[in-house]
Protein backbone atom coordinates (compact mmCIF):
# COMPACT_ATOMS: atom_id res chain seq x y z
CA MET A 1 20.73 -1.03 13.05
CA SER A 2 18.38 1.94 12.84
CA ASP A 3 18.62 5.24 14.72
CA PHE A 4 16.11 6.14 17.43
CA HIS A 5 15.28 9.67 16.25
CA GLN A 6 11.63 10.82 16.39
CA ASP A 7 11.66 13.45 13.65
CA GLY A 8 8.04 13.69 12.54
CA VAL A 9 4.51 14.12 13.84
CA ILE A 10 3.83 10.37 14.00
CA THR A 11 5.55 7.83 16.21
CA THR A 12 8.42 5.90 14.66
CA LEU A 13 9.16 2.42 16.04
CA HIS A 14 12.73 1.41 15.26
CA ASN A 15 14.66 -1.82 14.99
CA LEU A 16 17.24 -1.09 17.67
CA GLY A 17 18.46 -4.47 18.81
CA GLY A 18 17.73 -7.15 16.25
CA ARG A 19 15.20 -8.88 18.49
CA PRO A 20 14.69 -12.51 17.35
CA VAL A 21 11.50 -13.17 15.44
CA GLU A 22 10.68 -16.09 17.77
CA ALA A 23 10.41 -13.68 20.72
CA LEU A 24 8.07 -11.40 18.79
CA GLU A 25 5.95 -14.36 17.70
CA GLU A 26 5.59 -15.65 21.26
CA GLU A 27 4.17 -12.29 22.30
CA LEU A 28 1.93 -12.13 19.24
CA LYS A 29 0.55 -15.58 20.07
CA ARG A 30 -0.50 -14.21 23.47
CA PHE A 31 -1.91 -11.05 21.92
CA SER A 32 -3.92 -13.13 19.43
CA ARG A 33 -6.03 -14.61 22.20
CA ARG A 34 -7.40 -11.14 22.82
CA ARG A 35 -7.02 -9.66 19.34
CA PRO A 36 -7.07 -12.26 16.53
CA MET A 37 -4.93 -11.31 13.57
CA GLY A 38 -5.21 -11.75 9.83
CA LEU A 39 -3.28 -11.03 6.64
CA ILE A 40 -4.41 -9.78 3.22
CA LEU A 41 -2.35 -10.73 0.17
CA PRO A 42 -3.35 -8.96 -3.08
CA SER A 43 -1.90 -11.06 -5.90
CA LEU A 44 -1.82 -11.42 -9.65
CA PHE A 45 -1.90 -14.97 -10.92
CA SER A 46 1.45 -14.36 -12.63
CA GLU A 47 3.03 -13.92 -9.18
CA LEU A 48 2.23 -17.56 -8.37
CA GLU A 49 4.65 -18.52 -11.14
CA GLY A 50 7.57 -16.54 -9.71
CA PRO A 51 10.01 -17.38 -6.89
CA ALA A 52 9.02 -14.52 -4.56
CA LEU A 53 5.51 -15.73 -3.68
CA THR A 54 6.62 -19.35 -3.27
CA HIS A 55 9.12 -18.21 -0.65
CA ILE A 56 6.54 -15.92 1.00
CA VAL A 57 4.10 -18.82 1.40
CA ASP A 58 6.87 -21.00 2.84
CA GLU A 59 7.59 -18.29 5.42
CA LEU A 60 3.91 -17.71 6.24
CA ALA A 61 3.45 -21.42 6.86
CA LYS A 62 5.72 -20.99 9.92
CA VAL A 63 3.70 -18.10 11.42
CA PRO A 64 1.93 -19.35 14.57
CA TYR A 65 -0.37 -16.44 15.45
CA LEU A 66 -2.44 -15.75 12.31
CA THR A 67 -6.13 -16.67 12.44
CA GLU A 68 -6.85 -16.06 8.76
CA ILE A 69 -5.09 -15.32 5.48
CA ILE A 70 -7.09 -13.72 2.65
CA ILE A 71 -5.65 -13.91 -0.86
CA GLY A 72 -7.07 -11.65 -3.55
CA LEU A 73 -6.43 -13.31 -6.92
CA ASP A 74 -6.56 -11.17 -10.08
CA ARG A 75 -6.27 -12.10 -13.77
CA ALA A 76 -7.04 -15.78 -13.31
CA ASP A 77 -9.32 -18.06 -15.31
CA ARG A 78 -10.96 -21.18 -13.84
CA ASP A 79 -7.96 -23.47 -14.30
CA GLN A 80 -5.65 -20.85 -12.84
CA PHE A 81 -7.91 -20.42 -9.81
CA LEU A 82 -7.85 -24.18 -9.25
CA TYR A 83 -4.07 -24.06 -9.50
CA ALA A 84 -4.02 -21.25 -6.93
CA ARG A 85 -6.12 -23.30 -4.51
CA ASP A 86 -3.53 -26.04 -4.69
CA PHE A 87 -0.64 -23.55 -4.49
CA PHE A 88 -1.87 -22.06 -1.20
CA SER A 89 -3.09 -25.36 0.26
CA ARG A 90 0.13 -25.85 2.23
CA LEU A 91 -0.75 -22.91 4.46
CA PRO A 92 -1.77 -24.37 7.85
CA GLN A 93 -3.83 -21.31 8.76
CA ARG A 94 -7.41 -20.85 7.64
CA HIS A 95 -7.08 -19.24 4.23
CA ARG A 96 -9.48 -18.17 1.52
CA ILE A 97 -8.89 -17.06 -2.07
CA LEU A 98 -11.05 -14.35 -3.60
CA TRP A 99 -11.33 -15.28 -7.27
CA ASN A 100 -12.00 -11.73 -8.42
CA ASP A 101 -12.55 -12.78 -12.04
CA GLY A 102 -14.85 -15.65 -11.14
CA PRO A 103 -18.58 -15.58 -11.95
CA ARG A 104 -19.78 -15.23 -8.35
CA LEU A 105 -17.72 -12.20 -7.41
CA LYS A 106 -18.23 -10.66 -10.85
CA ALA A 107 -21.99 -10.91 -10.34
CA LEU A 108 -21.70 -8.99 -7.07
CA ASP A 109 -19.49 -6.44 -8.79
CA ASP A 110 -22.14 -5.96 -11.47
CA GLU A 111 -24.71 -5.16 -8.78
CA LEU A 112 -22.42 -2.54 -7.33
CA ALA A 113 -21.68 -1.10 -10.78
CA ALA A 114 -25.41 -0.66 -11.44
CA GLU A 115 -25.52 1.72 -8.45
CA GLY A 116 -22.24 3.46 -9.30
CA LEU A 117 -20.50 1.87 -6.31
CA SER A 118 -18.09 -0.52 -8.01
CA PRO A 119 -14.36 0.22 -8.43
CA GLU A 120 -13.98 1.93 -11.77
CA GLU A 121 -10.80 0.14 -12.84
CA PRO A 122 -9.05 -3.15 -12.10
CA GLY A 123 -5.86 -3.20 -10.10
CA LYS A 124 -4.40 -3.49 -6.65
CA GLY A 125 -6.82 -0.99 -5.12
CA ARG A 126 -9.85 -2.97 -6.27
CA ASN A 127 -8.25 -6.20 -5.10
CA VAL A 128 -7.47 -4.82 -1.63
CA TRP A 129 -10.97 -3.37 -1.36
CA PHE A 130 -12.70 -6.70 -2.01
CA CYS A 131 -10.35 -8.48 0.39
CA SER A 132 -11.16 -5.87 3.04
CA GLY A 133 -14.85 -6.55 2.53
CA TYR A 134 -14.33 -10.28 2.96
CA SER A 135 -12.31 -9.68 6.13
CA LEU A 136 -15.22 -7.69 7.56
CA ALA A 137 -17.69 -10.38 6.51
CA SER A 138 -15.59 -13.12 8.07
CA HIS A 139 -15.58 -11.52 11.57
CA ARG A 140 -12.54 -13.60 12.50
CA THR A 141 -9.91 -10.92 13.04
CA GLU A 142 -9.51 -7.67 14.94
CA ALA A 143 -6.16 -6.65 13.45
CA VAL A 144 -5.21 -7.09 9.79
CA ALA A 145 -1.93 -6.64 7.93
CA LEU A 146 -1.40 -6.26 4.21
CA HIS A 147 1.71 -6.75 2.13
CA ASP A 148 2.64 -7.34 -1.49
CA CYS A 149 3.32 -10.73 -3.09
CA ASP A 150 6.48 -9.84 -5.02
CA ILE A 151 8.88 -9.27 -2.11
CA VAL A 152 12.09 -11.06 -3.05
CA THR A 153 13.71 -10.47 0.36
CA TYR A 154 10.69 -11.54 2.44
CA SER A 155 11.04 -13.00 5.92
CA ARG A 156 8.31 -13.59 8.47
CA ASP A 157 9.76 -11.07 10.94
CA MET A 158 8.50 -8.36 8.54
CA LEU A 159 4.94 -9.45 9.32
CA ALA A 160 5.60 -9.79 13.05
CA ARG A 161 7.02 -6.27 13.29
CA LEU A 162 4.21 -4.89 11.14
CA LEU A 163 1.40 -6.34 13.27
CA TYR A 164 2.97 -5.86 16.69
CA PRO A 165 2.00 -2.15 17.17
CA VAL A 166 -1.71 -2.67 16.36
CA ALA A 167 -1.92 -6.03 18.18
CA HIS A 168 -0.31 -5.06 21.47
CA PRO A 169 -3.10 -4.69 24.07
CA GLN A 170 -1.40 -1.75 25.78
CA PHE A 171 -0.73 0.22 22.58
CA ASN A 172 -3.49 2.42 21.16
CA TYR A 173 -2.42 2.51 17.50
CA GLU A 174 -5.15 2.04 14.91
CA PHE A 175 -2.81 2.02 11.91
CA CYS A 176 0.82 1.12 11.33
CA LYS A 177 2.90 1.71 8.19
CA GLY A 178 6.00 -0.34 7.42
CA PHE A 179 9.23 1.23 6.23
CA TYR A 180 12.67 -0.01 5.17
CA ALA A 181 15.71 0.89 3.12
CA ARG A 182 15.23 0.23 -0.60
CA VAL A 183 18.66 -1.32 -1.06
CA ALA A 184 19.31 -4.55 -2.99
CA ASP A 185 22.01 -6.04 -5.22
CA GLY A 186 24.39 -3.19 -4.41
CA ARG A 187 22.01 -0.49 -5.65
CA LEU A 188 19.98 2.29 -4.10
CA ASN A 189 16.40 1.74 -5.32
CA GLY A 190 13.03 3.34 -4.51
CA ARG A 191 13.08 5.96 -7.27
CA VAL A 192 9.48 7.09 -6.94
CA GLY A 193 9.81 7.63 -3.20
CA ARG A 194 13.22 9.32 -3.39
CA LEU A 195 12.90 11.32 -6.59
CA LEU A 196 9.18 12.12 -6.76
CA VAL A 197 7.39 12.03 -3.42
CA THR A 198 9.96 13.63 -1.11
CA PRO A 199 10.92 16.57 -3.37
CA LEU A 200 7.29 17.04 -4.45
CA LEU A 201 6.08 17.28 -0.84
CA ARG A 202 8.76 19.90 -0.16
CA SER A 203 7.86 21.80 -3.32
CA LEU A 204 4.14 21.78 -2.53
CA GLN A 205 4.91 23.39 0.82
CA MET A 206 7.00 26.07 -0.90
CA ILE A 207 4.33 26.88 -3.49
CA TYR A 208 1.11 26.56 -1.52
CA GLY A 209 2.36 27.35 1.97
CA PRO A 210 2.69 25.41 5.22
CA SER A 211 0.33 22.45 5.50
CA GLU A 212 -0.29 20.16 8.45
CA TYR A 213 -1.27 17.43 5.98
CA LEU A 214 1.95 17.71 3.96
CA THR A 215 4.01 17.76 7.16
CA TYR A 216 2.17 14.60 8.20
CA LEU A 217 2.94 12.81 4.92
CA ALA A 218 6.57 13.90 5.08
CA SER A 219 6.84 12.23 8.50
CA TYR A 220 6.62 8.78 6.89
CA ARG A 221 10.03 7.33 6.12
CA TYR A 222 8.63 5.49 3.09
CA PRO A 223 5.06 6.57 2.30
CA LEU A 224 4.86 4.34 -0.79
CA SER A 225 5.50 1.06 1.01
CA GLY A 226 2.84 -1.57 0.31
CA GLU A 227 3.03 -2.93 3.86
CA PHE A 228 0.66 -1.72 6.55
CA ALA A 229 -1.49 -3.04 9.38
CA MET A 230 -4.61 -1.74 11.07
CA ARG A 231 -7.36 -2.53 13.50
CA SER A 232 -10.27 -4.12 11.67
CA ASP A 233 -12.64 -1.21 12.30
CA VAL A 234 -10.41 0.94 10.06
CA LEU A 235 -11.43 -1.22 7.09
CA SER A 236 -15.05 -0.14 7.44
CA ASN A 237 -14.38 3.58 7.25
CA ILE A 238 -11.63 4.24 4.75
CA ARG A 239 -12.03 4.89 1.06
CA ILE A 240 -9.13 3.80 -1.11
CA PRO A 241 -8.12 4.78 -4.64
CA SER A 242 -8.30 2.18 -7.37
CA ASP A 243 -5.20 3.54 -9.14
CA TRP A 244 -1.49 3.85 -8.27
CA GLY A 245 -2.40 6.41 -5.61
CA LEU A 246 -3.42 3.59 -3.25
CA GLU A 247 -0.69 4.08 -0.64
CA ILE A 248 -0.97 7.88 -0.54
CA GLY A 249 -4.77 7.55 -0.50
CA VAL A 250 -4.73 5.19 2.50
CA LEU A 251 -2.43 7.57 4.41
CA SER A 252 -4.77 10.44 3.58
CA GLU A 253 -7.81 8.51 4.79
CA VAL A 254 -6.37 7.46 8.13
CA HIS A 255 -5.22 11.06 8.63
CA ARG A 256 -8.78 12.21 7.99
CA ASN A 257 -10.35 9.67 10.34
CA TYR A 258 -7.90 9.35 13.24
CA SER A 259 -5.70 11.40 15.50
CA ILE A 260 -2.03 11.25 14.57
CA LYS A 261 -1.46 9.78 18.04
CA ARG A 262 -3.23 6.65 16.80
CA LEU A 263 -0.89 6.27 13.79
CA CYS A 264 2.67 4.98 13.68
CA GLN A 265 5.35 3.58 11.41
CA VAL A 266 7.69 0.67 12.06
CA ASP A 267 11.04 -0.44 10.67
CA ILE A 268 10.36 -3.92 9.26
CA ALA A 269 13.50 -4.76 7.25
CA ASP A 270 17.15 -3.81 6.85
CA ASN A 271 16.76 -4.08 3.09
CA TYR A 272 13.93 -4.81 0.73
CA ASP A 273 13.61 -5.77 -2.89
CA HIS A 274 10.64 -6.53 -5.11
CA LYS A 275 9.59 -6.40 -8.74
CA HIS A 276 10.79 -3.19 -10.37
CA GLN A 277 8.49 -1.22 -12.66
CA PRO A 278 9.92 0.11 -15.95
CA LEU A 279 10.26 3.86 -16.36
CA SER A 280 7.97 3.73 -19.45
CA GLU A 281 9.01 7.06 -20.94
CA ASP A 282 7.14 6.37 -24.20
CA ASP A 283 3.86 5.16 -22.70
CA HIS A 284 2.53 7.17 -19.77
CA THR A 285 -0.21 4.65 -19.07
CA LEU A 286 2.33 2.14 -17.74
CA GLY A 287 5.17 1.76 -15.28
CA LEU A 288 6.64 4.62 -13.26
CA SER A 289 5.08 7.17 -15.62
CA ARG A 290 1.57 6.05 -14.67
CA MET A 291 2.53 5.63 -11.02
CA SER A 292 3.96 9.14 -10.71
CA LEU A 293 0.95 10.63 -12.52
CA ASP A 294 -1.55 8.96 -10.18
CA ILE A 295 0.43 9.87 -7.05
CA ALA A 296 0.65 13.52 -8.04
CA LYS A 297 -3.08 13.64 -8.82
CA ALA A 298 -3.85 12.07 -5.44
CA LEU A 299 -1.89 14.82 -3.70
CA TYR A 300 -3.58 17.60 -5.69
CA ARG A 301 -7.05 16.23 -4.99
CA LYS A 302 -6.35 16.00 -1.27
CA LEU A 303 -4.98 19.55 -1.11
CA ALA A 304 -8.07 20.82 -2.92
CA THR A 305 -10.33 19.21 -0.30
CA LEU A 306 -8.33 21.11 2.33
CA GLY A 307 -9.14 24.43 0.64
CA VAL A 308 -5.92 24.95 -1.31
CA GLN A 309 -6.48 27.03 -4.46
CA ILE A 310 -4.86 25.17 -7.34
CA SER A 311 -4.48 26.76 -10.78
CA SER A 312 -2.72 26.00 -14.04
CA GLU A 313 -0.30 28.89 -13.42
CA SER A 314 0.79 27.44 -10.10
CA PHE A 315 1.57 24.10 -11.74
CA ARG A 316 4.23 25.71 -13.93
CA THR A 317 5.89 27.13 -10.84
CA LEU A 318 5.48 23.82 -9.03
CA LYS A 319 7.17 21.95 -11.88
CA ALA A 320 10.19 24.27 -11.82
CA THR A 321 10.45 24.12 -8.02
CA TYR A 322 10.11 20.35 -7.99
CA TYR A 323 12.71 19.94 -10.72
CA ARG A 324 15.32 22.02 -8.92
CA THR A 325 14.59 20.35 -5.55
CA ALA A 326 14.79 16.85 -7.01
CA LEU A 327 18.07 17.55 -8.83
CA ASP A 328 19.59 18.84 -5.60
CA MET A 329 18.51 15.67 -3.82
CA ILE A 330 20.23 13.47 -6.41
CA GLU A 331 23.52 14.87 -5.13
CA ASN A 332 22.60 13.83 -1.57
CA TYR A 333 21.64 10.32 -2.66
CA TYR A 334 24.81 9.98 -4.73
CA HIS A 335 27.02 10.84 -1.76
CA ASP A 336 25.07 8.47 0.50
CA ALA A 337 25.32 5.63 -2.02
CA THR A 338 29.03 6.22 -2.65
CA MET A 339 29.91 6.18 1.04
CA ASN A 340 28.04 2.87 1.44
CA GLY A 341 29.61 1.28 -1.63
CA LEU A 342 26.31 1.27 -3.54
CA GLU A 343 25.68 1.94 -7.21
CA LEU A 344 23.76 5.02 -8.31
CA ASP A 345 23.65 6.12 -11.95
CA ARG A 346 23.36 9.92 -11.89
CA HIS A 347 22.44 10.10 -15.57
CA SER A 348 19.58 7.64 -15.06
CA GLU A 349 18.49 9.53 -11.94
CA GLU A 350 18.31 12.83 -13.85
CA ARG A 351 16.36 11.21 -16.70
CA THR A 352 13.90 9.92 -14.11
CA VAL A 353 13.52 13.37 -12.58
CA GLU A 354 12.89 14.86 -16.03
CA LEU A 355 10.09 12.34 -16.58
CA PHE A 356 8.60 12.97 -13.13
CA ALA A 357 8.69 16.75 -13.72
CA GLN A 358 6.60 16.24 -16.84
CA MET A 359 4.21 14.01 -14.89
CA VAL A 360 3.84 16.73 -12.24
CA MET A 361 2.54 19.00 -15.02
CA ASP A 362 0.47 16.33 -16.74
CA ALA A 363 -1.17 15.36 -13.45
CA GLY A 364 -2.07 19.00 -12.90
CA ALA A 365 -3.68 19.24 -16.33
CA ALA A 366 -5.57 15.98 -15.78
CA TYR A 367 -6.78 17.18 -12.38
CA LEU A 368 -8.05 20.51 -13.78
CA GLU A 369 -9.75 18.81 -16.74
CA THR A 370 -11.69 16.35 -14.56
CA PRO A 371 -12.57 18.20 -11.34
CA ARG A 372 -15.47 15.82 -10.66
CA ASP A 373 -13.34 12.73 -10.93
CA LYS A 374 -14.18 10.14 -8.25
CA PRO A 375 -10.95 8.25 -7.64
CA PHE A 376 -11.96 6.69 -4.33
CA ILE A 377 -13.82 3.41 -4.01
CA PRO A 378 -16.70 3.90 -1.51
CA SER A 379 -16.16 2.79 2.06
CA TRP A 380 -17.66 -0.51 3.17
CA ASN A 381 -19.92 1.42 5.55
CA ARG A 382 -21.49 3.07 2.52
CA ILE A 383 -21.76 -0.24 0.67
CA GLN A 384 -23.55 -1.82 3.61
CA SER A 385 -25.97 1.09 3.68
CA ALA A 386 -26.86 0.53 0.02
CA PHE A 387 -26.68 -3.31 0.13
CA PRO A 388 -27.21 -4.50 3.73
CA ASP A 389 -26.66 -8.16 2.86
CA LEU A 390 -23.81 -7.82 0.36
CA LEU A 391 -21.04 -8.81 2.78
CA GLU A 392 -22.92 -11.96 3.73
CA ARG A 393 -23.41 -12.83 0.08
CA MET A 394 -19.75 -12.15 -0.66
CA TYR A 395 -18.75 -14.45 2.18
CA GLU A 396 -20.98 -17.20 0.81
CA ALA A 397 -19.63 -16.74 -2.73
CA VAL A 398 -16.03 -17.02 -1.56
CA GLU A 399 -16.83 -20.12 0.52
CA LEU A 400 -18.47 -21.82 -2.46
CA ASP A 401 -15.49 -21.04 -4.70
CA ASN A 402 -13.03 -22.38 -2.13
CA GLU A 403 -15.08 -25.51 -1.45
CA GLY A 404 -14.63 -26.56 -5.06
CA LYS A 405 -18.04 -25.58 -6.44
CA VAL A 406 -16.68 -23.66 -9.45
C-alpha cells in the first residue's frame, strides 16, 4: 500500500485501498461513452517471440472499455508482419498494426525526409511518433495510453489506473504519468532512475541554481517510466525525441504546453519488471551507457532553452557534484533494500555511478560540440501544415497493410 503524501508540484494519485480492477473498468466503460479510449503499443518484432507480450495481449483481450489499440511494429520483414497480424488477431478490440518497415509507410517517411521532417534515427521515439499520427488520423479516441511491450509483471489494472485520471469526466488532467516500485526477483532495480536522474537533478540545481523546471521533474516518482496517458489533443502539439531521451522529452513538452495543474502521476503497480538493458561499459552507443548519455543531453538542451548558461567548466563541477551525490544515495538505497530483504550489490552500484559520471561529462561535450542539434521530431501540427493530407494517406496505408494487401 502506498502513502498519501503530496510532496511535489504535480498531483500524485496513490493506490490506497487495492480497489478491484473490475470496479475501475466498470467506471471506465461509462467514461468511454463520453471519452473513447485507445492504447498505443510500440513494439519490436523480437518482443512477439517472448513471454511478456503474449501475456500482455492475453490481459488486453479482457479489457472492456478500449475503442482502439495501435501497435507500432519495428524491425519486421513481410513474413514477420504477417505473423504479427496473426499474433494480435485474438484482440477483440479494433486494432491496427503500423508496419514501420513496410513499403507504404517507408514511402511516406521518404516524403517527410525530403523536407527535413522525418525522425532522424529509428527507435522507440520514431515508433511512438508514427503511432500518434495514426491515432490522430483515426479520430476514434479522445484519451490515449501508451506502455511498453516487455513488461513481465503486466496486469490490466495497470492500464485502468493509467487511463482513469485523463478519462474521468470531472477531472481536468491532460496528461498522466505512471509510476511504480522497480522491485522484482528480490532485487532493487531501476538503476538509471535511482543512480542517474535523481542525483543529477539535485546536482543541476546546486550548480545552476534553483529551477522551476528541475523542481517539476523531481516531482515525478519515476520520470523514466514508459507508461503514460493523455488527452488526444496533446498528441498534436508535443515534439518528442527520437533517442533514449523520449520520457524526459515528453515530460518537458507537456510542461511547456500545459499548466502543472493539468498534469498528474498515478501509482499503477506494487512492483514492475521488464527487460533489463546491459550496462555496456565498453560500447557507449548501447545499453545504459547510451541511455544515460541521451538523458543527460536532453536535460542540458532543455536548460539551455530556459536561459541557463552552460559551459565546459561547469560540466567538470557538475560531474564531481553528481558523483558525490550519487554515492551518498547508494547508502540510502542499500539501507532501504536491506530492511526490505532485497538484494543490492554496492560494488555494482558504484561501478554504475562511475559510468554515469563519465556520461554526464560526455553528454556535456556532445552538447557543446553540436549546439544546433535537432533532437525533437516535429509536432504533428507542423507536419499537417507542410503536408495537409499526410495523415489521411497514412491512415489509408495502414488500412491496406492490415487488410492483407501487402
